[in-house]
């Protein structure tokens, strides 16, 4: 379950949401500094990314057409 719904800027080539580039969390924008892991779940794609906010998981829920963030444990 998503921790928080957020806004994400992403690269979209042949499909939407191919790779996150930046996200806005709690009023601050963070650049994605690196992608540690990318995978797909039934609801949509997921990425574990590094940023100035730390390591977080970003997910795109295709049915909701919305992005969410979860802090990495």
N, C-alpha and C. Protein backbone atom coordinates (compact mmCIF):
# COMPACT_ATOMS: atom_id res chain seq x y z
N UNK A 1 0.84 -1.18 0.00
CA UNK A 1 0.00 0.00 0.00
C UNK A 1 0.88 1.24 0.00
N UNK A 2 0.54 2.22 -0.81
CA UNK A 2 1.35 3.43 -0.90
C UNK A 2 1.41 4.18 0.42
N UNK A 3 2.60 4.70 0.71
CA UNK A 3 2.76 5.54 1.89
C UNK A 3 2.19 6.93 1.63
N UNK A 4 2.56 7.51 0.49
CA UNK A 4 2.11 8.86 0.15
C UNK A 4 1.97 8.98 -1.37
N UNK A 5 0.91 9.63 -1.80
CA UNK A 5 0.75 9.94 -3.23
C UNK A 5 1.60 11.17 -3.51
N UNK A 6 2.31 11.15 -4.62
CA UNK A 6 3.24 12.24 -4.94
C UNK A 6 3.17 12.59 -6.42
N UNK A 7 3.91 13.63 -6.79
CA UNK A 7 4.06 14.04 -8.19
C UNK A 7 5.44 13.59 -8.65
N UNK A 8 5.51 13.02 -9.86
CA UNK A 8 6.78 12.53 -10.40
C UNK A 8 6.96 13.04 -11.82
N UNK A 9 8.17 13.48 -12.12
CA UNK A 9 8.55 13.77 -13.51
C UNK A 9 9.31 12.55 -14.00
N UNK A 10 8.91 12.05 -15.16
CA UNK A 10 9.53 10.82 -15.64
C UNK A 10 9.85 10.90 -17.12
N UNK A 11 10.72 10.00 -17.54
CA UNK A 11 11.00 9.82 -18.96
C UNK A 11 9.94 8.87 -19.50
N UNK A 12 9.36 9.25 -20.62
CA UNK A 12 8.38 8.40 -21.30
C UNK A 12 8.76 8.34 -22.77
N UNK A 13 9.15 7.19 -23.22
CA UNK A 13 9.51 7.00 -24.62
C UNK A 13 8.37 6.34 -25.35
N UNK A 14 8.49 5.04 -25.57
CA UNK A 14 7.43 4.31 -26.28
C UNK A 14 6.23 4.02 -25.38
N UNK A 15 6.40 4.13 -24.06
CA UNK A 15 5.28 4.00 -23.12
C UNK A 15 5.44 5.05 -22.03
N UNK A 16 4.36 5.30 -21.29
CA UNK A 16 4.41 6.26 -20.19
C UNK A 16 5.13 5.64 -19.00
N UNK A 17 5.82 6.48 -18.26
CA UNK A 17 6.47 6.09 -17.00
C UNK A 17 7.54 5.02 -17.20
N UNK A 18 8.47 5.27 -18.11
CA UNK A 18 9.55 4.31 -18.30
C UNK A 18 10.62 4.44 -17.22
N UNK A 19 10.85 5.67 -16.74
CA UNK A 19 11.89 5.88 -15.73
C UNK A 19 11.66 7.20 -15.01
N UNK A 20 11.61 7.18 -13.67
CA UNK A 20 11.44 8.44 -12.94
C UNK A 20 12.71 9.28 -12.99
N UNK A 21 12.55 10.58 -13.11
CA UNK A 21 13.70 11.50 -13.16
C UNK A 21 13.75 12.42 -11.94
N UNK A 22 12.58 12.78 -11.39
CA UNK A 22 12.49 13.64 -10.21
C UNK A 22 11.12 13.44 -9.58
N UNK A 23 11.03 13.77 -8.29
CA UNK A 23 9.75 13.67 -7.60
C UNK A 23 9.60 14.80 -6.60
N UNK A 24 8.34 15.18 -6.36
CA UNK A 24 8.04 16.21 -5.37
C UNK A 24 7.45 15.51 -4.17
N UNK A 25 8.10 15.70 -3.02
CA UNK A 25 7.68 15.06 -1.78
C UNK A 25 7.69 16.09 -0.67
N UNK A 26 6.53 16.26 -0.05
CA UNK A 26 6.38 17.22 1.05
C UNK A 26 6.84 18.62 0.67
N UNK A 27 6.46 19.02 -0.55
CA UNK A 27 6.74 20.37 -1.02
C UNK A 27 8.13 20.61 -1.58
N UNK A 28 8.98 19.61 -1.62
CA UNK A 28 10.35 19.75 -2.11
C UNK A 28 10.57 18.83 -3.30
N UNK A 29 11.27 19.33 -4.32
CA UNK A 29 11.59 18.49 -5.47
C UNK A 29 12.95 17.85 -5.28
N UNK A 30 13.02 16.55 -5.60
CA UNK A 30 14.26 15.78 -5.48
C UNK A 30 14.57 15.14 -6.83
N UNK A 31 15.82 15.28 -7.27
CA UNK A 31 16.26 14.60 -8.48
C UNK A 31 16.55 13.14 -8.15
N UNK A 32 16.24 12.26 -9.07
CA UNK A 32 16.61 10.85 -8.92
C UNK A 32 18.09 10.77 -9.29
N UNK A 33 18.92 10.41 -8.32
CA UNK A 33 20.37 10.35 -8.53
C UNK A 33 20.82 9.01 -9.07
N UNK A 34 20.03 7.98 -8.84
CA UNK A 34 20.36 6.66 -9.36
C UNK A 34 19.22 5.69 -9.11
N UNK A 35 19.12 4.72 -9.98
CA UNK A 35 18.10 3.68 -9.83
C UNK A 35 18.81 2.41 -9.39
N UNK A 36 18.45 1.92 -8.22
CA UNK A 36 19.05 0.70 -7.69
C UNK A 36 18.38 -0.56 -8.21
N UNK A 37 17.08 -0.45 -8.44
CA UNK A 37 16.32 -1.63 -8.87
C UNK A 37 15.05 -1.17 -9.57
N UNK A 38 14.66 -1.88 -10.60
CA UNK A 38 13.39 -1.62 -11.30
C UNK A 38 12.70 -2.97 -11.48
N UNK A 39 11.38 -2.98 -11.27
CA UNK A 39 10.61 -4.21 -11.44
C UNK A 39 9.17 -3.85 -11.73
N UNK A 40 8.39 -4.84 -12.04
CA UNK A 40 6.97 -4.63 -12.35
C UNK A 40 6.13 -5.52 -11.45
N UNK A 41 5.06 -4.94 -10.94
CA UNK A 41 4.06 -5.67 -10.17
C UNK A 41 2.74 -5.56 -10.92
N UNK A 42 1.73 -6.33 -10.54
CA UNK A 42 0.46 -6.28 -11.27
C UNK A 42 -0.13 -4.86 -11.39
N UNK A 43 0.03 -4.03 -10.38
CA UNK A 43 -0.54 -2.67 -10.43
C UNK A 43 0.27 -1.71 -11.29
N UNK A 44 1.55 -2.05 -11.57
CA UNK A 44 2.36 -1.17 -12.40
C UNK A 44 3.83 -1.23 -12.03
N UNK A 45 4.66 -0.40 -12.68
CA UNK A 45 6.11 -0.44 -12.46
C UNK A 45 6.51 0.16 -11.11
N UNK A 46 7.67 -0.31 -10.63
CA UNK A 46 8.25 0.15 -9.36
C UNK A 46 9.73 0.39 -9.56
N UNK A 47 10.27 1.35 -8.78
CA UNK A 47 11.69 1.65 -8.80
C UNK A 47 12.18 1.92 -7.40
N UNK A 48 13.32 1.40 -7.04
CA UNK A 48 14.01 1.80 -5.82
C UNK A 48 15.09 2.78 -6.27
N UNK A 49 14.99 4.03 -5.78
CA UNK A 49 15.87 5.10 -6.26
C UNK A 49 16.62 5.76 -5.12
N UNK A 50 17.78 6.35 -5.47
CA UNK A 50 18.55 7.17 -4.54
C UNK A 50 18.31 8.63 -4.88
N UNK A 51 18.19 9.44 -3.81
CA UNK A 51 18.01 10.88 -3.98
C UNK A 51 18.53 11.57 -2.73
N UNK A 52 18.50 12.90 -2.72
CA UNK A 52 18.90 13.65 -1.53
C UNK A 52 17.97 13.35 -0.36
N UNK A 53 16.78 12.83 -0.62
CA UNK A 53 15.84 12.45 0.44
C UNK A 53 16.17 11.07 1.01
N UNK A 54 17.13 10.38 0.42
CA UNK A 54 17.48 9.03 0.82
C UNK A 54 17.04 8.03 -0.23
N UNK A 55 17.03 6.77 0.15
CA UNK A 55 16.58 5.71 -0.76
C UNK A 55 15.09 5.51 -0.54
N UNK A 56 14.34 5.58 -1.62
CA UNK A 56 12.88 5.43 -1.56
C UNK A 56 12.42 4.51 -2.67
N UNK A 57 11.21 4.00 -2.53
CA UNK A 57 10.58 3.23 -3.59
C UNK A 57 9.50 4.11 -4.21
N UNK A 58 9.54 4.25 -5.53
CA UNK A 58 8.52 4.96 -6.28
C UNK A 58 7.71 3.94 -7.06
N UNK A 59 6.42 4.14 -7.10
CA UNK A 59 5.56 3.24 -7.85
C UNK A 59 4.54 4.02 -8.65
N UNK A 60 4.21 3.50 -9.79
CA UNK A 60 3.16 4.09 -10.61
C UNK A 60 2.00 3.12 -10.64
N UNK A 61 0.86 3.55 -10.14
CA UNK A 61 -0.36 2.73 -10.12
C UNK A 61 -1.13 3.04 -11.40
N UNK A 62 -1.11 2.10 -12.33
CA UNK A 62 -1.70 2.34 -13.65
C UNK A 62 -3.21 2.53 -13.58
N UNK A 63 -3.92 1.79 -12.74
CA UNK A 63 -5.37 1.93 -12.63
C UNK A 63 -5.78 3.28 -12.06
N UNK A 64 -5.00 3.77 -11.12
CA UNK A 64 -5.29 5.07 -10.49
C UNK A 64 -4.68 6.23 -11.27
N UNK A 65 -3.76 5.94 -12.19
CA UNK A 65 -2.99 6.95 -12.90
C UNK A 65 -2.34 7.89 -11.89
N UNK A 66 -1.66 7.30 -10.91
CA UNK A 66 -1.07 8.08 -9.83
C UNK A 66 0.24 7.45 -9.37
N UNK A 67 1.13 8.31 -8.88
CA UNK A 67 2.42 7.89 -8.35
C UNK A 67 2.38 7.88 -6.83
N UNK A 68 3.18 7.00 -6.23
CA UNK A 68 3.29 6.96 -4.78
C UNK A 68 4.75 6.75 -4.38
N UNK A 69 5.04 7.10 -3.14
CA UNK A 69 6.37 6.98 -2.57
C UNK A 69 6.29 6.19 -1.27
N UNK A 70 7.28 5.35 -1.07
CA UNK A 70 7.41 4.61 0.17
C UNK A 70 8.86 4.69 0.61
N UNK A 71 9.09 5.05 1.87
CA UNK A 71 10.46 5.10 2.38
C UNK A 71 11.04 3.70 2.45
N UNK A 72 12.29 3.57 2.03
CA UNK A 72 12.96 2.27 2.07
C UNK A 72 13.30 1.93 3.51
N UNK A 73 13.17 0.66 3.83
CA UNK A 73 13.50 0.26 5.20
C UNK A 73 14.92 -0.25 5.31
